[in-house]
C-alpha atoms as a PDB file:
ATOM      1  CA  UNK A   1      68.833 101.866  66.507  1.00  0.00           C
ATOM      2  CA  UNK A   2      70.152 103.502  69.667  1.00  0.00           C
ATOM      3  CA  UNK A   3      69.273 106.979  70.873  1.00  0.00           C
ATOM      4  CA  UNK A   4      71.421 109.679  69.212  1.00  0.00           C
ATOM      5  CA  UNK A   5      74.194 111.446  71.109  1.00  0.00           C
ATOM      6  CA  UNK A   6      72.295 114.735  70.779  1.00  0.00           C
ATOM      7  CA  UNK A   7      69.075 113.318  72.248  1.00  0.00           C
ATOM      8  CA  UNK A   8      66.872 115.903  73.945  1.00  0.00           C
ATOM      9  CA  UNK A   9      63.184 116.555  74.571  1.00  0.00           C
ATOM     10  CA  UNK A  10      63.124 117.932  70.997  1.00  0.00           C
ATOM     11  CA  UNK A  11      64.884 114.864  69.597  1.00  0.00           C
ATOM     12  CA  UNK A  12      63.701 111.559  71.067  1.00  0.00           C
ATOM     13  CA  UNK A  13      64.440 109.578  67.914  1.00  0.00           C
ATOM     14  CA  UNK A  14      65.899 106.129  68.435  1.00  0.00           C
ATOM     15  CA  UNK A  15      65.507 103.054  70.605  1.00  0.00           C
ATOM     16  CA  UNK A  16      64.906 104.004  74.226  1.00  0.00           C
ATOM     17  CA  UNK A  17      64.597 101.917  77.419  1.00  0.00           C
ATOM     18  CA  UNK A  18      61.360 102.764  79.239  1.00  0.00           C
ATOM     19  CA  UNK A  19      61.236 100.397  82.237  1.00  0.00           C
ATOM     20  CA  UNK A  20      63.617  97.943  83.835  1.00  0.00           C
ATOM     21  CA  UNK A  21      62.402  94.581  85.098  1.00  0.00           C
ATOM     22  CA  UNK A  22      61.258  95.840  88.469  1.00  0.00           C
ATOM     23  CA  UNK A  23      59.447  99.137  88.344  1.00  0.00           C
ATOM     24  CA  UNK A  24      59.529 101.423  91.358  1.00  0.00           C
ATOM     25  CA  UNK A  25      56.034 102.724  90.652  1.00  0.00           C
ATOM     26  CA  UNK A  26      54.135 103.679  93.767  1.00  0.00           C
ATOM     27  CA  UNK A  27      50.835 101.946  94.594  1.00  0.00           C
ATOM     28  CA  UNK A  28      48.094 103.352  92.402  1.00  0.00           C
ATOM     29  CA  UNK A  29      50.419 104.271  89.554  1.00  0.00           C
ATOM     30  CA  UNK A  30      51.859 102.427  86.597  1.00  0.00           C
ATOM     31  CA  UNK A  31      54.028 103.050  83.566  1.00  0.00           C
ATOM     32  CA  UNK A  32      51.011 103.767  81.363  1.00  0.00           C
ATOM     33  CA  UNK A  33      51.280 104.623  77.685  1.00  0.00           C
ATOM     34  CA  UNK A  34      54.364 106.796  77.865  1.00  0.00           C
ATOM     35  CA  UNK A  35      57.092 108.278  75.726  1.00  0.00           C
ATOM     36  CA  UNK A  36      60.688 107.623  76.878  1.00  0.00           C
ATOM     37  CA  UNK A  37      63.059 110.183  78.302  1.00  0.00           C
ATOM     38  CA  UNK A  38      66.715 110.390  77.204  1.00  0.00           C
ATOM     39  CA  UNK A  39      67.751 111.352  80.754  1.00  0.00           C
ATOM     40  CA  UNK A  40      65.492 109.276  82.984  1.00  0.00           C
ATOM     41  CA  UNK A  41      67.070 109.839  86.386  1.00  0.00           C
ATOM     42  CA  UNK A  42      64.657 109.965  89.307  1.00  0.00           C
ATOM     43  CA  UNK A  43      67.083 111.960  91.420  1.00  0.00           C
ATOM     44  CA  UNK A  44      67.922 114.812  89.053  1.00  0.00           C
ATOM     45  CA  UNK A  45      65.711 114.685  85.971  1.00  0.00           C
ATOM     46  CA  UNK A  46      62.622 112.716  86.937  1.00  0.00           C
ATOM     47  CA  UNK A  47      60.026 111.620  84.407  1.00  0.00           C
ATOM     48  CA  UNK A  48      56.778 112.232  86.208  1.00  0.00           C
ATOM     49  CA  UNK A  49      53.799 109.992  85.564  1.00  0.00           C
ATOM     50  CA  UNK A  50      50.686 109.170  87.571  1.00  0.00           C
ATOM     51  CA  UNK A  51      47.915 106.765  86.747  1.00  0.00           C
ATOM     52  CA  UNK A  52      44.666 106.062  88.516  1.00  0.00           C
ATOM     53  CA  UNK A  53      42.035 103.351  88.232  1.00  0.00           C
ATOM     54  CA  UNK A  54      43.887 100.653  86.243  1.00  0.00           C
ATOM     55  CA  UNK A  55      43.583  97.040  87.432  1.00  0.00           C
ATOM     56  CA  UNK A  56      46.259  95.827  89.830  1.00  0.00           C
ATOM     57  CA  UNK A  57      47.011  92.658  87.856  1.00  0.00           C
ATOM     58  CA  UNK A  58      47.815  94.572  84.670  1.00  0.00           C
ATOM     59  CA  UNK A  59      49.905  97.125  86.574  1.00  0.00           C
ATOM     60  CA  UNK A  60      51.845  94.294  88.227  1.00  0.00           C
ATOM     61  CA  UNK A  61      52.487  92.462  84.956  1.00  0.00           C
ATOM     62  CA  UNK A  62      53.768  95.613  83.259  1.00  0.00           C
ATOM     63  CA  UNK A  63      55.900  96.597  86.260  1.00  0.00           C
ATOM     64  CA  UNK A  64      57.759  93.269  86.030  1.00  0.00           C
ATOM     65  CA  UNK A  65      58.371  93.567  82.302  1.00  0.00           C
ATOM     66  CA  UNK A  66      61.239  95.222  80.450  1.00  0.00           C
ATOM     67  CA  UNK A  67      59.862  97.773  77.975  1.00  0.00           C
ATOM     68  CA  UNK A  68      61.771  99.293  75.072  1.00  0.00           C
ATOM     69  CA  UNK A  69      60.341 101.985  72.814  1.00  0.00           C
ATOM     70  CA  UNK A  70      61.278 102.791  69.247  1.00  0.00           C
ATOM     71  CA  UNK A  71      60.565 106.485  68.729  1.00  0.00           C
ATOM     72  CA  UNK A  72      60.253 108.588  65.603  1.00  0.00           C
ATOM     73  CA  UNK A  73      59.876 112.314  66.244  1.00  0.00           C
ATOM     74  CA  UNK A  74      59.416 114.860  63.467  1.00  0.00           C
ATOM     75  CA  UNK A  75      58.028 118.365  62.930  1.00  0.00           C
ATOM     76  CA  UNK A  76      54.607 119.027  61.498  1.00  0.00           C
ATOM     77  CA  UNK A  77      54.713 120.029  57.828  1.00  0.00           C
ATOM     78  CA  UNK A  78      52.599 123.148  58.444  1.00  0.00           C
ATOM     79  CA  UNK A  79      53.756 124.243  61.907  1.00  0.00           C
ATOM     80  CA  UNK A  80      57.343 123.298  62.904  1.00  0.00           C
ATOM     81  CA  UNK A  81      56.598 123.997  66.588  1.00  0.00           C
ATOM     82  CA  UNK A  82      54.166 121.069  66.571  1.00  0.00           C
ATOM     83  CA  UNK A  83      55.894 117.695  66.804  1.00  0.00           C
ATOM     84  CA  UNK A  84      54.681 114.223  65.889  1.00  0.00           C
ATOM     85  CA  UNK A  85      55.966 111.491  68.211  1.00  0.00           C
ATOM     86  CA  UNK A  86      55.345 107.947  66.961  1.00  0.00           C
ATOM     87  CA  UNK A  87      56.083 105.297  69.594  1.00  0.00           C
ATOM     88  CA  UNK A  88      56.283 101.542  69.134  1.00  0.00           C
ATOM     89  CA  UNK A  89      56.807  99.625  72.387  1.00  0.00           C
ATOM     90  CA  UNK A  90      58.342  96.168  72.770  1.00  0.00           C
ATOM     91  CA  UNK A  91      57.547  94.322  76.023  1.00  0.00           C
ATOM     92  CA  UNK A  92      59.101  91.200  77.559  1.00  0.00           C
ATOM     93  CA  UNK A  93      57.190  88.566  79.533  1.00  0.00           C
ATOM     94  CA  UNK A  94      54.849  87.516  76.733  1.00  0.00           C
ATOM     95  CA  UNK A  95      53.003  90.859  76.649  1.00  0.00           C
ATOM     96  CA  UNK A  96      52.400  92.153  73.142  1.00  0.00           C
ATOM     97  CA  UNK A  97      53.688  95.683  72.639  1.00  0.00           C
ATOM     98  CA  UNK A  98      51.659  98.735  71.631  1.00  0.00           C
ATOM     99  CA  UNK A  99      51.883 101.532  69.080  1.00  0.00           C
ATOM    100  CA  UNK A 100      50.951 105.124  69.847  1.00  0.00           C
ATOM    101  CA  UNK A 101      51.151 108.294  67.751  1.00  0.00           C
ATOM    102  CA  UNK A 102      51.181 111.633  69.556  1.00  0.00           C
ATOM    103  CA  UNK A 103      50.914 115.207  68.285  1.00  0.00           C
ATOM    104  CA  UNK A 104      51.911 118.131  70.505  1.00  0.00           C
ATOM    105  CA  UNK A 105      48.986 120.435  69.724  1.00  0.00           C
ATOM    106  CA  UNK A 106      46.909 119.503  72.831  1.00  0.00           C
ATOM    107  CA  UNK A 107      44.049 118.272  70.662  1.00  0.00           C
ATOM    108  CA  UNK A 108      42.207 115.223  72.009  1.00  0.00           C
ATOM    109  CA  UNK A 109      42.673 112.109  69.878  1.00  0.00           C
ATOM    110  CA  UNK A 110      41.162 108.683  70.363  1.00  0.00           C
ATOM    111  CA  UNK A 111      43.349 105.580  70.308  1.00  0.00           C
ATOM    112  CA  UNK A 112      42.764 101.900  70.984  1.00  0.00           C
ATOM    113  CA  UNK A 113      45.118  99.027  71.770  1.00  0.00           C
ATOM    114  CA  UNK A 114      44.965  95.611  73.411  1.00  0.00           C
ATOM    115  CA  UNK A 115      46.512  96.696  76.740  1.00  0.00           C
ATOM    116  CA  UNK A 116      44.895 100.028  77.547  1.00  0.00           C
ATOM    117  CA  UNK A 117      41.700  99.624  75.548  1.00  0.00           C
ATOM    118  CA  UNK A 118      39.950 102.679  74.149  1.00  0.00           C
ATOM    119  CA  UNK A 119      41.552 105.908  75.331  1.00  0.00           C
ATOM    120  CA  UNK A 120      41.819 109.551  74.356  1.00  0.00           C
ATOM    121  CA  UNK A 121      45.038 111.487  74.770  1.00  0.00           C
ATOM    122  CA  UNK A 122      46.585 114.927  74.474  1.00  0.00           C
ATOM    123  CA  UNK A 123      50.191 116.160  74.321  1.00  0.00           C
ATOM    124  CA  UNK A 124      51.914 119.536  74.252  1.00  0.00           C
ATOM    125  CA  UNK A 125      55.171 121.369  74.904  1.00  0.00           C
ATOM    126  CA  UNK A 126      55.319 124.147  77.495  1.00  0.00           C
ATOM    127  CA  UNK A 127      57.964 126.165  79.319  1.00  0.00           C
ATOM    128  CA  UNK A 128      58.754 126.366  83.025  1.00  0.00           C
ATOM    129  CA  UNK A 129      59.781 129.056  85.471  1.00  0.00           C
ATOM    130  CA  UNK A 130      61.775 129.509  88.666  1.00  0.00           C
ATOM    131  CA  UNK A 131      59.991 128.680  91.911  1.00  0.00           C
ATOM    132  CA  UNK A 132      60.436 130.461  95.233  1.00  0.00           C
ATOM    133  CA  UNK A 133      63.308 128.064  96.026  1.00  0.00           C
ATOM    134  CA  UNK A 134      65.183 129.237  92.921  1.00  0.00           C
ATOM    135  CA  UNK A 135      64.804 125.923  91.086  1.00  0.00           C
ATOM    136  CA  UNK A 136      63.300 125.727  87.625  1.00  0.00           C
ATOM    137  CA  UNK A 137      60.070 123.709  87.660  1.00  0.00           C
ATOM    138  CA  UNK A 138      57.151 123.123  85.293  1.00  0.00           C
ATOM    139  CA  UNK A 139      54.813 125.207  87.503  1.00  0.00           C
ATOM    140  CA  UNK A 140      51.948 124.006  85.375  1.00  0.00           C
ATOM    141  CA  UNK A 141      48.224 123.405  85.772  1.00  0.00           C
ATOM    142  CA  UNK A 142      47.925 119.625  85.566  1.00  0.00           C
ATOM    143  CA  UNK A 143      45.058 117.850  83.838  1.00  0.00           C
ATOM    144  CA  UNK A 144      44.899 115.179  86.563  1.00  0.00           C
ATOM    145  CA  UNK A 145      42.000 115.861  88.910  1.00  0.00           C
ATOM    146  CA  UNK A 146      43.161 115.048  92.419  1.00  0.00           C
ATOM    147  CA  UNK A 147      43.073 116.476  95.927  1.00  0.00           C
ATOM    148  CA  UNK A 148      46.324 114.668  96.746  1.00  0.00           C
ATOM    149  CA  UNK A 149      48.962 117.370  97.110  1.00  0.00           C
ATOM    150  CA  UNK A 150      51.749 114.763  96.946  1.00  0.00           C
ATOM    151  CA  UNK A 151      50.747 113.844  93.396  1.00  0.00           C
ATOM    152  CA  UNK A 152      50.839 117.491  92.370  1.00  0.00           C
ATOM    153  CA  UNK A 153      54.239 117.967  94.012  1.00  0.00           C
ATOM    154  CA  UNK A 154      55.508 114.788  92.361  1.00  0.00           C
ATOM    155  CA  UNK A 155      54.486 115.966  88.894  1.00  0.00           C
ATOM    156  CA  UNK A 156      56.052 119.349  89.609  1.00  0.00           C
ATOM    157  CA  UNK A 157      59.368 117.750  90.594  1.00  0.00           C
ATOM    158  CA  UNK A 158      59.226 118.862  94.225  1.00  0.00           C
ATOM    159  CA  UNK A 159      59.264 115.365  95.760  1.00  0.00           C
ATOM    160  CA  UNK A 160      60.255 111.829  94.759  1.00  0.00           C
ATOM    161  CA  UNK A 161      57.862 108.870  94.716  1.00  0.00           C
ATOM    162  CA  UNK A 162      58.617 108.121  98.377  1.00  0.00           C
ATOM    163  CA  UNK A 163      57.697 111.678  99.370  1.00  0.00           C
ATOM    164  CA  UNK A 164      61.256 112.806 100.065  1.00  0.00           C
ATOM    165  CA  UNK A 165      62.495 116.148  98.789  1.00  0.00           C
ATOM    166  CA  UNK A 166      63.662 116.215  95.169  1.00  0.00           C
ATOM    167  CA  UNK A 167      66.641 118.137  93.812  1.00  0.00           C
ATOM    168  CA  UNK A 168      64.504 119.174  90.869  1.00  0.00           C
ATOM    169  CA  UNK A 169      65.047 118.925  87.135  1.00  0.00           C
ATOM    170  CA  UNK A 170      68.034 119.159  84.829  1.00  0.00           C
ATOM    171  CA  UNK A 171      66.732 121.808  82.438  1.00  0.00           C
ATOM    172  CA  UNK A 172      68.218 122.168  78.977  1.00  0.00           C
ATOM    173  CA  UNK A 173      68.454 125.540  77.245  1.00  0.00           C
ATOM    174  CA  UNK A 174      65.704 124.733  74.761  1.00  0.00           C
ATOM    175  CA  UNK A 175      62.306 126.024  73.734  1.00  0.00           C
ATOM    176  CA  UNK A 176      62.774 129.737  73.042  1.00  0.00           C
ATOM    177  CA  UNK A 177      60.383 129.422  70.091  1.00  0.00           C
ATOM    178  CA  UNK A 178      57.581 128.447  72.524  1.00  0.00           C
ATOM    179  CA  UNK A 179      57.592 131.809  74.293  1.00  0.00           C
ATOM    180  CA  UNK A 180      58.892 133.155  77.592  1.00  0.00           C
ATOM    181  CA  UNK A 181      60.065 130.806  80.300  1.00  0.00           C
ATOM    182  CA  UNK A 182      62.884 128.410  81.084  1.00  0.00           C
ATOM    183  CA  UNK A 183      63.505 124.909  79.773  1.00  0.00           C
ATOM    184  CA  UNK A 184      61.036 122.866  77.776  1.00  0.00           C
ATOM    185  CA  UNK A 185      58.630 120.207  79.049  1.00  0.00           C
ATOM    186  CA  UNK A 186      56.514 117.622  77.268  1.00  0.00           C
ATOM    187  CA  UNK A 187      53.130 116.937  78.874  1.00  0.00           C
ATOM    188  CA  UNK A 188      50.937 113.973  77.950  1.00  0.00           C
ATOM    189  CA  UNK A 189      47.517 113.188  79.393  1.00  0.00           C
ATOM    190  CA  UNK A 190      45.505 110.030  78.695  1.00  0.00           C
ATOM    191  CA  UNK A 191      41.973 109.139  79.820  1.00  0.00           C
ATOM    192  CA  UNK A 192      40.348 105.743  79.489  1.00  0.00           C
ATOM    193  CA  UNK A 193      37.034 105.684  77.638  1.00  0.00           C
ATOM    194  CA  UNK A 194      36.256 102.168  78.890  1.00  0.00           C
ATOM    195  CA  UNK A 195      36.961 102.599  82.624  1.00  0.00           C
ATOM    196  CA  UNK A 196      37.949 105.243  85.169  1.00  0.00           C
ATOM    197  CA  UNK A 197      41.737 105.464  84.964  1.00  0.00           C
ATOM    198  CA  UNK A 198      43.709 108.480  83.826  1.00  0.00           C
ATOM    199  CA  UNK A 199      47.431 108.955  83.262  1.00  0.00           C
ATOM    200  CA  UNK A 200      49.543 112.087  83.140  1.00  0.00           C
ATOM    201  CA  UNK A 201      53.226 112.429  82.399  1.00  0.00           C
ATOM    202  CA  UNK A 202      55.634 115.331  82.227  1.00  0.00           C
ATOM    203  CA  UNK A 203      59.310 115.280  81.284  1.00  0.00           C
ATOM    204  CA  UNK A 204      62.030 117.609  80.111  1.00  0.00           C
END
C-alpha cells in the first residue's frame, strides 16, 4: 500500500519510507519513534527531529536499518480537527518493528514497546508565520529543554544538521480550520519514563 498521490500532512495514509540504510543523524540524535513525511527532503522540506539520552548502540543499530511505516490517519469522531495517526513500523536488520498510536490533541499518553521502553508522548497540529527573512517557519515554542541554539534553529528550519543555512520549508496551503497563520505543522514530543532521553519532531 503506497502513499496516495494526494499525500499531505493531513493525509499520511499509506506505506511510507522513514529511513534509508545509512542515516545522516547527527551525534546525539536518532530517528526515534516518528511519523513519516510525504516530502522528506532535508534541503527544502526538512523533517526535524532531535533526541537526547538514548544509548549509542541502539541509535547506531537503528541508523543502519531501513525503516518503513504503515500509516493510518483518520479524524476523531467528535472533533474533526483532531486526527488519529496509527503507525506500524517495519525494520530491517533483525530488529522487531514497533506500533504507535498518536492523537493530535496534545494530551500526554503513555506507551510501551520493546525498543523505546516506557514513554509518554504528545502530538498536535499548529500553524506557522513569516520570519524576518520572509520565509514561513514554525516559529513555535518547542517542548525540548535545551540551551543549544543550533537545536532550536534546526527544529525551526533555519539550519541543516551540519549547521549550514537552510532554504526553509515547502509550505502547503493547508490548515485554515486551525486558526490564523500559514501552512500546517505536526509536532510530536516523546519523553522516556525509564531513562533520560527525549525526542521532538516537527514536519509540514
